[in-house]
């Protein structure tokens, strides 16, 4: 079963927060199970899977193939062979 989870950067602390995404008027928020965090809209990304080392991969993350080819994860690239890709950078 696919887990619906989002990541965003808190407007208040500048740190990454993880959880459920919602939009309240003009405010983008992530609820982490305890608190609602206002996040920068451009930083919101959805969890799309795990890499070959079981690290969470979100839209916009960079991955590298064993052959050395780099991929940026986005809506047009949402499925891959998990055993061949490793996350190298966070968006």
Protein backbone atom coordinates (compact mmCIF):
# COMPACT_ATOMS: atom_id res chain seq x y z
CA UNK A 1 0.00 0.00 0.00
CA UNK A 2 1.37 3.39 -1.00
CA UNK A 3 1.99 5.84 1.83
CA UNK A 4 0.73 9.39 1.15
CA UNK A 5 3.31 11.73 2.69
CA UNK A 6 4.70 15.17 1.91
CA UNK A 7 7.79 17.19 2.70
CA UNK A 8 8.10 20.97 2.90
CA UNK A 9 10.29 23.69 4.39
CA UNK A 10 8.82 25.47 7.41
CA UNK A 11 8.38 29.22 6.97
CA UNK A 12 9.08 29.67 10.67
CA UNK A 13 12.20 27.54 11.24
CA UNK A 14 13.53 26.85 7.74
CA UNK A 15 13.68 23.14 8.59
CA UNK A 16 12.12 20.29 6.61
CA UNK A 17 8.82 18.98 7.97
CA UNK A 18 7.06 15.77 6.96
CA UNK A 19 3.43 14.70 7.06
CA UNK A 20 0.04 15.40 5.49
CA UNK A 21 -0.34 18.37 3.13
CA UNK A 22 -3.25 20.78 3.12
CA UNK A 23 -3.99 24.21 1.74
CA UNK A 24 -5.88 26.65 3.94
CA UNK A 25 -6.73 29.78 1.97
CA UNK A 26 -3.37 31.12 0.79
CA UNK A 27 -1.42 29.12 3.37
CA UNK A 28 0.25 25.79 2.52
CA UNK A 29 0.56 23.57 5.59
CA UNK A 30 1.94 20.21 6.59
CA UNK A 31 0.47 18.41 9.57
CA UNK A 32 3.07 16.17 11.23
CA UNK A 33 0.58 14.37 13.46
CA UNK A 34 0.96 16.91 16.26
CA UNK A 35 1.38 20.41 14.76
CA UNK A 36 0.40 22.31 11.63
CA UNK A 37 3.44 23.89 9.98
CA UNK A 38 3.15 26.72 7.44
CA UNK A 39 5.50 25.78 4.62
CA UNK A 40 6.93 27.51 1.55
CA UNK A 41 4.65 26.46 -1.34
CA UNK A 42 7.57 25.91 -3.74
CA UNK A 43 9.15 23.45 -1.28
CA UNK A 44 6.21 21.02 -1.08
CA UNK A 45 6.97 17.61 -2.58
CA UNK A 46 5.15 14.28 -2.42
CA UNK A 47 6.79 11.01 -1.38
CA UNK A 48 6.93 8.79 -4.44
CA UNK A 49 8.90 5.77 -3.26
CA UNK A 50 12.14 4.40 -1.87
CA UNK A 51 15.57 4.13 -3.47
CA UNK A 52 17.79 1.03 -3.48
CA UNK A 53 18.91 1.81 0.09
CA UNK A 54 15.32 2.35 1.35
CA UNK A 55 15.71 6.14 1.62
CA UNK A 56 12.50 8.07 0.95
CA UNK A 57 12.41 9.74 -2.46
CA UNK A 58 10.32 12.88 -3.04
CA UNK A 59 9.50 14.81 -6.21
CA UNK A 60 12.50 16.94 -7.14
CA UNK A 61 15.13 14.67 -5.54
CA UNK A 62 18.16 13.67 -7.58
CA UNK A 63 18.95 9.99 -8.13
CA UNK A 64 21.94 8.30 -9.71
CA UNK A 65 21.79 5.06 -11.67
CA UNK A 66 24.50 2.42 -11.15
CA UNK A 67 25.70 3.28 -14.65
CA UNK A 68 26.37 6.87 -13.48
CA UNK A 69 23.38 8.56 -15.14
CA UNK A 70 21.66 11.15 -12.94
CA UNK A 71 17.86 11.57 -12.85
CA UNK A 72 15.72 14.27 -11.29
CA UNK A 73 12.46 12.91 -9.91
CA UNK A 74 9.30 14.65 -11.08
CA UNK A 75 5.83 13.95 -12.32
CA UNK A 76 7.18 12.69 -15.64
CA UNK A 77 9.63 10.33 -13.87
CA UNK A 78 7.74 8.65 -11.08
CA UNK A 79 8.50 4.95 -11.63
CA UNK A 80 11.92 3.38 -11.71
CA UNK A 81 13.78 0.18 -10.99
CA UNK A 82 14.33 0.67 -7.23
CA UNK A 83 17.25 -1.77 -7.18
CA UNK A 84 19.30 0.39 -9.58
CA UNK A 85 18.86 3.93 -8.26
CA UNK A 86 20.26 5.70 -5.22
CA UNK A 87 19.31 9.15 -3.92
CA UNK A 88 22.21 11.62 -4.12
CA UNK A 89 20.62 14.98 -3.33
CA UNK A 90 17.50 16.47 -1.78
CA UNK A 91 15.54 19.12 -3.65
